[in-house]
Amino acid sequence: MRGVTITLLLALSSAFALAQLTPYQQAEALLQKTEYQAAIALLKKTGGPTNAPEFLLQGRAYYLMGEFKKAQESFEAATKHDPTSSEAQHWLGRAYGKRAETSNPFQAPGLASNARKSFEKAVALNPNNLEAVNDLFTYYLEAPGFLGGGLDKAMALAEQLKSKDPVEYHYAAAQIAERRKEYNIAEAQLRKAVDLAPRQVGRVIDLAKFLARRGRYSESEEAFKRAEQIKPDSPKVVFERASVYLETKRNLPEARQMLQKYLTMQLSPDDPPRQEAERLLKQLAGAGG
């Protein structure tokens, strides 16, 4: 009975704290709990977005739900309300990029070019927006030249990270080296990133995924175990490990269990969306896993 009382008090306390927030703050709190539909509904209930932060929040919720066209429209509205917002331009670029990935071959090139332009504008507005720098780097690295990509552009942008974020610089250098098939250099750069940020679980995951791509599965497993020790019960570790198993076509029953576990975990907006795990489960079913 005492446990029930404590649970009830905590729930009431949480509800009271939420009620003290502005509607925007309440919507942000809902988004952080991955209650994206509820966040959007709350914004609409209060008359809909009327300024850049509100349109940006609505767009993020749509984006994280996989509603990329609606997200794009919200981010476009945010950039109109605040043309100086690097964050709004960055998220607009992400929405264009996702639409390019999921559109037909006739629409995709235009959407991809729009993604690049938005990323470039986001970086121009705020060179210290490192997430925008990272996304622009990825675009330059992966996109063909006729869409504005190029290894030379990626290398130049990576150099800008050297003083701003040495850890991210080594990761970028590893990606360039891997693209050039300089695998020893790529591994060395990834290990430097881990050495500089030994408690950043994402860096250990980067190394684990690289080792798996090189067929060094036992070393990859050791890296994933290290990631688990750094951050026990991390949803990201569970998802990425399952994803690697599927990509390398091994341990498929374990991958299925991990993805099913992932769907029951408490996620944050920084974790891969649930629909990604659902997509991988469907892929597993097709592979007989």
Protein backbone atom coordinates (compact mmCIF):
# COMPACT_ATOMS: atom_id res chain seq x y z
CA MET A 1 0.00 0.00 0.00
CA ARG A 2 2.88 2.33 0.89
CA GLY A 3 4.41 1.74 -2.55
CA VAL A 4 1.13 2.65 -4.26
CA THR A 5 0.90 5.85 -2.18
CA ILE A 6 4.44 6.89 -3.10
CA THR A 7 3.77 6.20 -6.78
CA LEU A 8 0.59 8.27 -6.64
CA LEU A 9 2.36 11.15 -4.91
CA LEU A 10 5.12 11.11 -7.51
CA ALA A 11 2.57 11.14 -10.32
CA LEU A 12 0.70 14.05 -8.73
CA SER A 13 3.94 15.92 -8.13
CA SER A 14 4.94 15.42 -11.77
CA ALA A 15 1.52 16.58 -12.99
CA PHE A 16 1.68 19.64 -10.71
CA ALA A 17 5.16 20.54 -11.95
CA LEU A 18 4.02 20.21 -15.57
CA ALA A 19 1.02 22.45 -14.89
CA GLN A 20 3.34 25.25 -13.74
CA LEU A 21 5.01 25.40 -17.14
CA THR A 22 3.93 27.53 -20.08
CA PRO A 23 2.20 25.65 -22.94
CA TYR A 24 5.44 25.81 -24.93
CA GLN A 25 7.44 24.42 -22.01
CA GLN A 26 4.85 21.69 -21.51
CA ALA A 27 5.09 20.75 -25.20
CA GLU A 28 8.89 20.65 -24.94
CA ALA A 29 8.63 18.40 -21.88
CA LEU A 30 6.31 16.07 -23.77
CA LEU A 31 8.73 15.98 -26.70
CA GLN A 32 11.59 15.04 -24.38
CA LYS A 33 9.47 12.10 -23.18
CA THR A 34 8.98 11.15 -26.88
CA GLU A 35 5.27 11.94 -26.63
CA TYR A 36 5.42 13.70 -29.97
CA GLN A 37 1.74 13.53 -30.90
CA ALA A 38 0.79 14.95 -27.52
CA ALA A 39 3.27 17.82 -27.96
CA ILE A 40 1.77 18.70 -31.34
CA ALA A 41 -1.77 18.45 -29.96
CA LEU A 42 -0.90 20.79 -27.11
CA LEU A 43 0.52 23.40 -29.50
CA LYS A 44 -2.62 23.19 -31.64
CA LYS A 45 -4.86 23.40 -28.57
CA THR A 46 -3.32 26.74 -27.66
CA GLY A 47 -3.95 28.18 -31.12
CA GLY A 48 -1.11 26.62 -33.05
CA PRO A 49 2.48 27.84 -33.44
CA THR A 50 2.84 31.61 -33.75
CA ASN A 51 6.61 32.13 -33.54
CA ALA A 52 9.89 30.51 -34.58
CA PRO A 53 10.50 28.43 -31.41
CA GLU A 54 6.96 26.99 -31.53
CA PHE A 55 7.19 26.13 -35.24
CA LEU A 56 10.62 24.61 -34.59
CA LEU A 57 9.27 22.49 -31.74
CA GLN A 58 6.33 21.32 -33.85
CA GLY A 59 8.67 20.49 -36.71
CA ARG A 60 10.96 18.47 -34.45
CA ALA A 61 7.97 16.47 -33.21
CA TYR A 62 6.81 15.74 -36.77
CA TYR A 63 10.38 14.87 -37.81
CA LEU A 64 10.84 12.44 -34.93
CA MET A 65 7.51 10.83 -35.86
CA GLY A 66 8.74 10.31 -39.42
CA GLU A 67 6.32 12.92 -40.85
CA PHE A 68 9.03 14.62 -42.88
CA LYS A 69 6.86 16.73 -45.21
CA LYS A 70 4.94 18.23 -42.29
CA ALA A 71 8.26 18.73 -40.51
CA GLN A 72 9.65 20.56 -43.54
CA GLU A 73 6.64 22.88 -43.62
CA SER A 74 7.01 23.67 -39.92
CA PHE A 75 10.74 24.36 -40.25
CA GLU A 76 10.13 26.59 -43.28
CA ALA A 77 7.70 28.60 -41.16
CA ALA A 78 10.30 28.80 -38.38
CA THR A 79 12.93 30.17 -40.80
CA LYS A 80 10.45 32.78 -42.06
CA HIS A 81 9.73 33.94 -38.52
CA ASP A 82 13.44 34.01 -37.68
CA PRO A 83 15.74 34.10 -40.74
CA THR A 84 18.78 34.28 -38.44
CA SER A 85 18.09 30.94 -36.70
CA SER A 86 20.86 28.46 -37.45
CA GLU A 87 18.92 25.76 -35.60
CA ALA A 88 15.83 26.21 -37.79
CA GLN A 89 17.90 26.06 -40.99
CA HIS A 90 19.68 22.96 -39.70
CA TRP A 91 16.45 21.11 -38.95
CA LEU A 92 15.04 22.21 -42.31
CA GLY A 93 18.07 20.63 -43.96
CA ARG A 94 17.46 17.40 -42.05
CA ALA A 95 13.83 17.33 -43.18
CA TYR A 96 14.82 17.89 -46.82
CA GLY A 97 17.43 15.15 -46.45
CA LYS A 98 14.97 12.62 -45.09
CA ARG A 99 12.49 13.47 -47.82
CA ALA A 100 15.25 12.97 -50.41
CA GLU A 101 15.94 9.51 -48.97
CA THR A 102 12.30 8.49 -49.23
CA SER A 103 11.23 10.26 -52.46
CA ASN A 104 11.14 9.07 -56.05
CA PRO A 105 14.21 9.53 -58.30
CA PHE A 106 12.73 12.64 -59.92
CA GLN A 107 12.17 14.54 -56.65
CA ALA A 108 15.18 13.29 -54.70
CA PRO A 109 17.94 15.40 -56.37
CA GLY A 110 16.10 18.67 -55.78
CA LEU A 111 15.37 17.80 -52.16
CA ALA A 112 18.98 16.76 -51.61
CA SER A 113 20.24 20.06 -53.01
CA ASN A 114 17.84 21.91 -50.73
CA ALA A 115 19.22 19.94 -47.79
CA ARG A 116 22.76 21.00 -48.67
CA LYS A 117 21.77 24.66 -49.03
CA SER A 118 20.03 24.62 -45.66
CA PHE A 119 23.00 22.95 -43.94
CA GLU A 120 25.36 25.47 -45.52
CA LYS A 121 23.17 28.36 -44.40
CA ALA A 122 22.93 26.94 -40.87
CA VAL A 123 26.74 26.78 -40.65
CA ALA A 124 27.10 30.27 -42.14
CA LEU A 125 24.66 31.65 -39.56
CA ASN A 126 26.48 29.94 -36.71
CA PRO A 127 29.85 28.23 -37.37
CA ASN A 128 29.71 26.88 -33.80
CA ASN A 129 26.55 24.89 -34.51
CA LEU A 130 28.56 21.68 -34.55
CA GLU A 131 25.60 19.43 -35.24
CA ALA A 132 24.98 21.40 -38.43
CA VAL A 133 28.68 21.20 -39.29
CA ASN A 134 28.57 17.43 -38.78
CA ASP A 135 25.50 17.01 -40.99
CA LEU A 136 27.02 19.19 -43.72
CA PHE A 137 30.22 17.12 -43.50
CA THR A 138 28.21 13.91 -43.93
CA TYR A 139 26.42 15.41 -46.94
CA TYR A 140 29.69 16.45 -48.59
CA LEU A 141 31.16 13.00 -47.91
CA GLU A 142 28.25 10.98 -49.28
CA ALA A 143 26.63 13.10 -52.00
CA PRO A 144 27.91 12.98 -55.59
CA GLY A 145 29.55 16.02 -57.12
CA PHE A 146 26.55 16.99 -59.26
CA LEU A 147 24.56 17.43 -56.02
CA GLY A 148 27.24 19.55 -54.40
CA GLY A 149 29.10 16.80 -52.57
CA GLY A 150 32.78 16.02 -52.72
CA LEU A 151 35.62 14.58 -50.67
CA ASP A 152 37.60 17.82 -50.97
CA LYS A 153 34.71 19.77 -49.42
CA ALA A 154 34.40 17.19 -46.63
CA MET A 155 38.12 17.42 -45.88
CA ALA A 156 38.04 21.22 -45.74
CA LEU A 157 35.09 21.16 -43.35
CA ALA A 158 36.74 18.51 -41.17
CA GLU A 159 39.74 20.82 -40.73
CA GLN A 160 37.41 23.39 -39.17
CA LEU A 161 36.58 20.88 -36.44
CA LYS A 162 40.18 20.47 -35.32
CA SER A 163 40.15 23.31 -32.81
CA LYS A 164 36.39 23.40 -32.12
CA ASP A 165 35.81 19.70 -31.40
CA PRO A 166 38.93 17.47 -31.58
CA VAL A 167 36.90 14.33 -30.83
CA GLU A 168 34.53 14.98 -33.72
CA TYR A 169 37.51 15.87 -35.90
CA HIS A 170 39.06 12.43 -35.39
CA TYR A 171 35.72 10.79 -36.20
CA ALA A 172 35.45 12.86 -39.39
CA ALA A 173 39.03 11.98 -40.31
CA ALA A 174 38.19 8.30 -39.78
CA GLN A 175 35.25 8.54 -42.16
CA ILE A 176 37.42 10.16 -44.83
CA ALA A 177 40.11 7.51 -44.39
CA GLU A 178 37.55 4.70 -44.61
CA ARG A 179 36.12 6.24 -47.78
CA ARG A 180 39.66 6.13 -49.21
CA LYS A 181 40.01 2.50 -48.06
CA GLU A 182 42.79 3.53 -45.69
CA TYR A 183 41.45 1.25 -43.00
CA ASN A 184 44.45 1.33 -40.63
CA ILE A 185 44.29 5.12 -40.54
CA ALA A 186 40.51 5.03 -40.05
CA GLU A 187 40.86 2.69 -37.07
CA ALA A 188 43.62 4.79 -35.54
CA GLN A 189 41.47 7.92 -35.81
CA LEU A 190 38.48 6.19 -34.21
CA ARG A 191 40.66 4.99 -31.34
CA LYS A 192 41.97 8.54 -30.85
CA ALA A 193 38.38 9.74 -30.56
CA VAL A 194 37.70 7.06 -27.92
CA ASP A 195 40.89 7.99 -26.03
CA LEU A 196 39.90 11.66 -25.96
CA ALA A 197 36.34 10.90 -24.82
CA PRO A 198 36.44 7.53 -23.04
CA ARG A 199 33.06 8.08 -21.37
CA GLN A 200 31.21 8.99 -24.57
CA VAL A 201 29.36 5.81 -25.41
CA GLY A 202 28.79 6.93 -29.00
CA ARG A 203 32.52 6.91 -29.72
CA VAL A 204 32.87 3.32 -28.56
CA ILE A 205 29.86 2.38 -30.70
CA ASP A 206 31.53 4.04 -33.72
CA LEU A 207 34.57 1.81 -33.18
CA ALA A 208 32.43 -1.32 -32.68
CA LYS A 209 30.56 -0.68 -35.93
CA PHE A 210 33.80 -0.09 -37.85
CA LEU A 211 35.31 -3.34 -36.54
CA ALA A 212 32.17 -5.23 -37.58
CA ARG A 213 32.38 -3.74 -41.09
CA ARG A 214 35.93 -5.04 -41.29
CA GLY A 215 34.77 -8.54 -40.27
CA ARG A 216 36.51 -8.36 -36.88
CA TYR A 217 33.47 -9.57 -35.01
CA SER A 218 35.05 -10.63 -31.71
CA GLU A 219 36.72 -7.22 -31.35
CA SER A 220 33.45 -5.55 -32.24
CA GLU A 221 31.69 -7.53 -29.50
CA GLU A 222 34.30 -6.42 -26.98
CA ALA A 223 33.73 -2.80 -27.96
CA PHE A 224 29.97 -3.19 -27.56
CA LYS A 225 30.53 -4.74 -24.11
CA ARG A 226 32.64 -1.73 -23.20
CA ALA A 227 29.84 0.56 -24.35
CA GLU A 228 27.39 -1.35 -22.14
CA GLN A 229 29.72 -0.93 -19.16
CA ILE A 230 29.97 2.82 -19.75
CA LYS A 231 26.21 3.23 -20.00
CA PRO A 232 24.24 0.20 -18.78
CA ASP A 233 20.77 -0.24 -20.28
CA SER A 234 21.49 2.34 -22.97
CA PRO A 235 18.79 2.16 -25.67
CA LYS A 236 21.29 3.35 -28.26
CA VAL A 237 23.70 0.49 -27.53
CA VAL A 238 20.86 -2.04 -27.84
CA PHE A 239 19.67 -0.56 -31.15
CA GLU A 240 23.12 -0.19 -32.73
CA ARG A 241 24.19 -3.69 -31.76
CA ALA A 242 21.03 -5.16 -33.29
CA SER A 243 21.55 -3.04 -36.39
CA VAL A 244 25.12 -4.33 -36.78
CA TYR A 245 23.95 -7.93 -36.41
CA LEU A 246 21.40 -7.40 -39.16
CA GLU A 247 23.88 -5.59 -41.41
CA THR A 248 26.45 -8.38 -41.04
CA LYS A 249 23.76 -11.12 -41.30
CA ARG A 250 24.65 -12.84 -38.03
CA ASN A 251 23.06 -13.42 -34.62
CA LEU A 252 19.67 -12.64 -36.17
CA PRO A 253 17.57 -14.16 -33.34
CA GLU A 254 19.51 -12.01 -30.86
CA ALA A 255 18.98 -8.98 -33.09
CA ARG A 256 15.23 -9.60 -33.03
CA GLN A 257 15.21 -9.85 -29.22
CA MET A 258 17.22 -6.65 -28.93
CA LEU A 259 14.90 -4.70 -31.22
CA GLN A 260 11.85 -5.98 -29.35
CA LYS A 261 13.50 -4.92 -26.10
CA TYR A 262 14.30 -1.52 -27.62
CA LEU A 263 10.62 -0.91 -28.36
CA THR A 264 9.83 -1.33 -24.65
CA MET A 265 12.59 1.00 -23.39
CA GLN A 266 12.23 4.60 -22.24
CA LEU A 267 13.64 6.56 -25.17
CA SER A 268 14.73 10.15 -25.61
CA PRO A 269 14.71 12.27 -28.78
CA ASP A 270 18.44 11.52 -29.11
CA ASP A 271 17.77 7.80 -29.51
CA PRO A 272 16.84 6.27 -32.88
CA PRO A 273 13.06 6.59 -33.43
CA ARG A 274 10.87 3.60 -32.65
CA GLN A 275 9.83 3.39 -36.29
CA GLU A 276 13.46 2.65 -37.19
CA ALA A 277 13.42 -0.37 -34.88
CA GLU A 278 10.09 -1.44 -36.38
CA ARG A 279 11.56 -1.11 -39.87
CA LEU A 280 14.53 -3.30 -38.90
CA LEU A 281 12.19 -5.90 -37.41
CA LYS A 282 10.35 -6.08 -40.73
CA GLN A 283 13.69 -6.40 -42.48
CA LEU A 284 14.58 -9.23 -40.13
CA ALA A 285 11.34 -11.00 -40.91
CA GLY A 286 12.19 -10.81 -44.59
CA ALA A 287 15.65 -12.21 -43.89
CA GLY A 288 14.19 -15.10 -41.93
CA GLY A 289 15.61 -13.90 -38.62
